[in-house]
């Protein structure tokens, strides 16, 4: 039995006056939805990044048009490249007048059995999903720590806890993101900076439909408590909460947005 999708939740100014940077936000998944929700929740300025120039330009224009926020900027960034990561953080600090919130959304998945997986396939997923999150956190923390405030939210996955065939590389990367979140959070908390993570299960969007079979997606959705996949904005809502002052005492937490967390 599938429970119907709830109505879209209007903004409540949860991020009023804050500036936000979101990585890998130009697609149609959780990243773009998170950027949109931040604008709807009253952020004063927003920067998104992506690796595709045209998609990034179109996403910036769409965000400005749909949300009415004029202070929306785009910056190309491949999180596997340290120089591009540093350039992104520097650009955000300058154009946003300091970055209050960082959403580490960049990730890469795929389906491959361990016995058929090459070193390059393994390392690519780890580099984007785990090491990319580390690079962004390392680059952003000094500025946030100097100001004595800030929030970093990492996009993990329930596969960091739960086993699934053909997902060893992705699951290992996301389990690493969870461990990185917990350990870095203790270090950042000494300076008033909060780091937490969201662990989504299945959130339906166009890219996911291209990279996973219809049968697999249907089976995964059927396992969920509501019998349906999440809407990307439902995941974005949780990320916004973690970024807001309502989560002021949350440090190193990984919120599971799924009944299939273990």
Protein backbone atom coordinates (compact mmCIF):
# COMPACT_ATOMS: atom_id res chain seq x y z
CA UNK A 1 0.00 0.00 0.00
CA UNK A 2 1.34 3.41 -0.98
CA UNK A 3 0.60 6.53 1.05
CA UNK A 4 0.00 9.63 -1.07
CA UNK A 5 2.60 12.38 -1.36
CA UNK A 6 1.95 15.23 1.11
CA UNK A 7 1.46 18.81 0.02
CA UNK A 8 4.58 20.89 -0.55
CA UNK A 9 5.54 22.70 2.65
CA UNK A 10 5.77 26.50 2.34
CA UNK A 11 8.78 28.37 3.69
CA UNK A 12 8.93 29.49 7.32
CA UNK A 13 12.03 31.75 7.19
CA UNK A 14 14.19 29.07 8.83
CA UNK A 15 17.30 30.41 7.08
CA UNK A 16 16.50 34.12 7.17
CA UNK A 17 19.64 36.18 6.83
CA UNK A 18 21.93 33.21 6.15
CA UNK A 19 24.13 32.56 3.13
CA UNK A 20 24.30 29.08 1.59
CA UNK A 21 26.63 27.09 -0.66
CA UNK A 22 25.40 23.84 -2.23
CA UNK A 23 27.62 21.49 -4.23
CA UNK A 24 26.33 19.50 -7.21
CA UNK A 25 23.09 21.46 -7.17
CA UNK A 26 22.39 22.09 -10.86
CA UNK A 27 20.68 18.77 -11.54
CA UNK A 28 17.13 17.83 -10.61
CA UNK A 29 17.92 15.87 -7.47
CA UNK A 30 18.30 16.62 -3.78
CA UNK A 31 20.96 19.29 -4.38
CA UNK A 32 18.80 21.53 -6.55
CA UNK A 33 15.81 21.00 -4.29
CA UNK A 34 17.91 21.94 -1.26
CA UNK A 35 19.03 25.13 -3.01
CA UNK A 36 15.44 25.99 -3.85
CA UNK A 37 14.28 25.32 -0.30
CA UNK A 38 17.04 27.55 1.09
CA UNK A 39 15.81 30.43 -1.06
CA UNK A 40 12.22 29.75 -0.01
CA UNK A 41 13.34 29.68 3.63
CA UNK A 42 14.69 33.20 3.39
CA UNK A 43 18.43 32.86 2.84
CA UNK A 44 19.99 36.18 1.84
CA UNK A 45 22.38 34.77 -0.76
CA UNK A 46 22.96 31.43 -2.45
CA UNK A 47 25.73 29.82 -4.51
CA UNK A 48 25.46 26.50 -6.29
CA UNK A 49 28.12 24.46 -8.05
CA UNK A 50 28.18 21.77 -10.70
CA UNK A 51 30.51 20.24 -13.28
CA UNK A 52 28.28 21.03 -16.31
CA UNK A 53 28.49 24.69 -17.47
CA UNK A 54 25.16 24.91 -19.33
CA UNK A 55 23.24 23.01 -16.65
CA UNK A 56 24.73 25.28 -13.99
CA UNK A 57 23.80 28.46 -15.86
CA UNK A 58 20.25 27.23 -16.42
CA UNK A 59 19.86 26.23 -12.77
CA UNK A 60 20.97 29.66 -11.54
CA UNK A 61 18.47 31.36 -13.85
CA UNK A 62 15.70 28.99 -12.81
CA UNK A 63 16.35 29.55 -9.10
CA UNK A 64 16.23 33.31 -9.54
CA UNK A 65 13.02 33.13 -11.51
CA UNK A 66 11.19 30.57 -9.36
CA UNK A 67 12.16 31.91 -5.92
CA UNK A 68 12.59 35.63 -6.53
CA UNK A 69 16.00 35.58 -4.87
CA UNK A 70 18.36 37.76 -6.93
CA UNK A 71 21.55 36.89 -5.04
CA UNK A 72 22.01 33.47 -6.68
CA UNK A 73 25.41 32.61 -8.10
CA UNK A 74 26.98 29.63 -9.88
CA UNK A 75 30.52 28.29 -9.87
CA UNK A 76 31.91 25.32 -11.76
CA UNK A 77 33.53 22.76 -9.48
CA UNK A 78 34.71 19.18 -9.69
CA UNK A 79 35.12 18.09 -6.07
CA UNK A 80 37.87 15.63 -7.07
CA UNK A 81 40.09 18.60 -7.97
CA UNK A 82 41.60 20.42 -5.01
CA UNK A 83 42.22 23.66 -6.93
CA UNK A 84 38.57 23.82 -8.00
CA UNK A 85 37.39 23.13 -4.45
CA UNK A 86 39.53 25.97 -3.11
CA UNK A 87 38.30 28.27 -5.88
CA UNK A 88 34.68 27.44 -5.05
CA UNK A 89 35.10 28.17 -1.36
CA UNK A 90 36.97 31.41 -2.07
CA UNK A 91 34.28 32.51 -4.54
CA UNK A 92 31.51 31.74 -2.05
CA UNK A 93 33.27 33.61 0.74
CA UNK A 94 33.66 36.67 -1.48
CA UNK A 95 30.30 36.75 -3.27
CA UNK A 96 28.18 35.65 -0.32
CA UNK A 97 29.95 37.87 2.17
CA UNK A 98 30.92 34.80 4.16
CA UNK A 99 29.32 31.36 4.04
CA UNK A 100 26.96 30.40 6.85
CA UNK A 101 25.84 27.02 5.50
CA UNK A 102 27.52 24.39 3.32
CA UNK A 103 25.58 21.50 1.83
CA UNK A 104 27.99 18.75 0.71
CA UNK A 105 25.77 17.10 -1.88
CA UNK A 106 28.24 15.90 -4.54
CA UNK A 107 28.16 12.13 -4.94
CA UNK A 108 28.50 9.36 -7.48
CA UNK A 109 26.94 5.91 -7.56
CA UNK A 110 26.51 2.98 -9.91
CA UNK A 111 25.81 -0.73 -9.93
CA UNK A 112 28.60 -3.32 -10.12
CA UNK A 113 29.41 -6.58 -8.39
CA UNK A 114 32.66 -6.63 -6.42
CA UNK A 115 34.16 -9.35 -8.62
CA UNK A 116 33.50 -7.24 -11.72
CA UNK A 117 34.55 -3.86 -10.32
CA UNK A 118 37.80 -2.28 -11.46
CA UNK A 119 40.09 -0.19 -9.27
CA UNK A 120 39.15 2.87 -11.31
CA UNK A 121 35.42 2.30 -10.74
CA UNK A 122 35.95 1.83 -7.00
CA UNK A 123 38.26 4.83 -6.63
CA UNK A 124 36.07 7.16 -8.70
CA UNK A 125 33.05 6.66 -6.44
CA UNK A 126 35.17 7.01 -3.30
CA UNK A 127 36.88 10.14 -4.66
CA UNK A 128 33.65 11.97 -5.50
CA UNK A 129 31.39 10.83 -2.68
CA UNK A 130 33.78 10.58 0.28
CA UNK A 131 37.01 12.40 -0.51
CA UNK A 132 35.09 15.21 -2.22
CA UNK A 133 33.11 15.74 0.98
CA UNK A 134 36.38 15.76 2.94
CA UNK A 135 37.98 18.29 0.56
CA UNK A 136 35.02 20.67 0.78
CA UNK A 137 34.88 20.39 4.58
CA UNK A 138 38.61 20.96 4.90
CA UNK A 139 38.47 24.02 2.67
CA UNK A 140 35.42 25.60 4.34
CA UNK A 141 36.11 24.98 8.03
CA UNK A 142 38.87 27.56 8.56
CA UNK A 143 36.62 30.45 7.51
CA UNK A 144 33.66 29.21 9.54
CA UNK A 145 35.85 28.52 12.58
CA UNK A 146 37.35 32.00 12.40
CA UNK A 147 33.83 33.48 12.55
CA UNK A 148 32.80 31.14 15.37
CA UNK A 149 29.68 29.91 13.58
CA UNK A 150 28.42 27.91 10.62
CA UNK A 151 26.75 24.66 9.66
CA UNK A 152 27.86 21.89 7.32
CA UNK A 153 25.39 19.24 6.21
CA UNK A 154 26.66 16.14 4.41
CA UNK A 155 24.56 13.95 2.14
CA UNK A 156 25.10 10.35 3.24
CA UNK A 157 22.85 7.34 2.54
CA UNK A 158 21.10 4.53 4.37
CA UNK A 159 23.47 2.26 2.45
CA UNK A 160 26.10 3.41 4.93
CA UNK A 161 24.24 1.07 7.31
CA UNK A 162 22.33 -1.33 5.07
CA UNK A 163 23.69 -3.97 2.71
CA UNK A 164 22.65 -4.09 -0.94
CA UNK A 165 24.10 -6.08 -3.83
CA UNK A 166 26.19 -4.21 -6.41
CA UNK A 167 26.61 -1.20 -4.09
CA UNK A 168 29.86 -1.99 -2.28
CA UNK A 169 31.71 1.10 -3.56
CA UNK A 170 28.83 3.52 -2.93
CA UNK A 171 27.96 2.01 0.46
CA UNK A 172 31.60 2.15 1.57
CA UNK A 173 31.83 5.80 0.50
CA UNK A 174 28.65 6.77 2.35
CA UNK A 175 29.66 4.87 5.49
CA UNK A 176 32.85 6.91 5.27
CA UNK A 177 30.82 10.13 4.99
CA UNK A 178 29.02 9.17 8.21
CA UNK A 179 32.32 8.56 10.04
CA UNK A 180 33.79 11.77 8.61
CA UNK A 181 30.71 13.65 9.83
CA UNK A 182 31.01 12.35 13.38
CA UNK A 183 34.75 12.90 13.74
CA UNK A 184 34.98 16.30 12.04
CA UNK A 185 31.95 17.48 14.00
CA UNK A 186 33.78 17.06 17.30
CA UNK A 187 36.69 19.13 16.01
CA UNK A 188 34.44 21.85 14.53
CA UNK A 189 32.26 22.10 17.63
CA UNK A 190 35.18 23.58 19.54
CA UNK A 191 34.75 26.66 17.32
CA UNK A 192 30.95 26.87 17.31
CA UNK A 193 30.52 25.14 13.95
CA UNK A 194 28.03 22.28 13.57
CA UNK A 195 28.46 19.33 11.19
CA UNK A 196 25.67 16.80 10.67
CA UNK A 197 24.43 14.51 7.91
CA UNK A 198 21.29 13.24 6.25
CA UNK A 199 21.00 9.58 5.21
CA UNK A 200 18.25 9.32 2.58
CA UNK A 201 16.95 6.05 1.24
CA UNK A 202 15.29 6.31 -2.16
CA UNK A 203 14.43 9.82 -3.34
CA UNK A 204 13.06 9.79 -6.86
CA UNK A 205 14.50 12.09 -9.52
CA UNK A 206 15.38 11.94 -13.21
CA UNK A 207 19.03 10.93 -12.81
CA UNK A 208 18.13 8.02 -10.54
CA UNK A 209 15.67 6.76 -13.12
CA UNK A 210 18.48 6.74 -15.68
CA UNK A 211 20.99 4.88 -13.52
CA UNK A 212 18.80 2.20 -11.90
CA UNK A 213 16.34 -0.27 -13.35
CA UNK A 214 12.62 0.33 -13.01
CA UNK A 215 12.25 -3.03 -11.27
CA UNK A 216 14.90 -2.20 -8.67
CA UNK A 217 13.41 1.20 -7.93
CA UNK A 218 9.95 -0.32 -7.52
CA UNK A 219 11.26 -2.97 -5.11
CA UNK A 220 13.15 -0.41 -3.03
CA UNK A 221 10.14 1.90 -2.86
CA UNK A 222 7.88 -0.96 -1.76
CA UNK A 223 10.16 -1.61 1.24
CA UNK A 224 9.66 1.90 2.60
CA UNK A 225 7.20 2.60 5.40
CA UNK A 226 4.96 4.71 3.16
CA UNK A 227 5.31 2.31 0.24
CA UNK A 228 6.68 5.06 -1.99
CA UNK A 229 9.98 6.80 -2.70
CA UNK A 230 10.64 10.15 -1.07
CA UNK A 231 10.20 13.37 -2.96
CA UNK A 232 13.52 15.22 -3.23
CA UNK A 233 12.01 18.20 -1.40
CA UNK A 234 11.21 15.98 1.57
CA UNK A 235 14.93 15.28 1.89
CA UNK A 236 15.75 18.96 1.34
CA UNK A 237 13.44 19.89 4.21
CA UNK A 238 15.53 17.82 6.60
CA UNK A 239 18.74 19.38 5.32
CA UNK A 240 17.26 22.84 5.86
CA UNK A 241 16.31 21.89 9.42
CA UNK A 242 19.89 20.76 10.11
CA UNK A 243 21.16 24.06 8.73
CA UNK A 244 18.75 26.12 10.81
CA UNK A 245 19.04 27.37 14.36
CA UNK A 246 16.41 24.79 15.36
CA UNK A 247 19.22 22.21 15.21
CA UNK A 248 21.59 24.28 17.37
CA UNK A 249 22.45 21.38 19.72
CA UNK A 250 22.90 18.70 17.04
CA UNK A 251 26.53 17.73 16.52
CA UNK A 252 27.82 14.77 14.50
CA UNK A 253 24.34 13.32 14.00
CA UNK A 254 23.25 11.27 10.99
CA UNK A 255 19.51 11.52 10.47
CA UNK A 256 17.98 8.53 8.72
CA UNK A 257 15.15 9.54 6.40
CA UNK A 258 13.99 5.99 5.86
CA UNK A 259 12.45 3.05 7.69
CA UNK A 260 15.12 0.91 5.98
CA UNK A 261 18.04 2.30 7.95
CA UNK A 262 19.36 -1.10 9.05
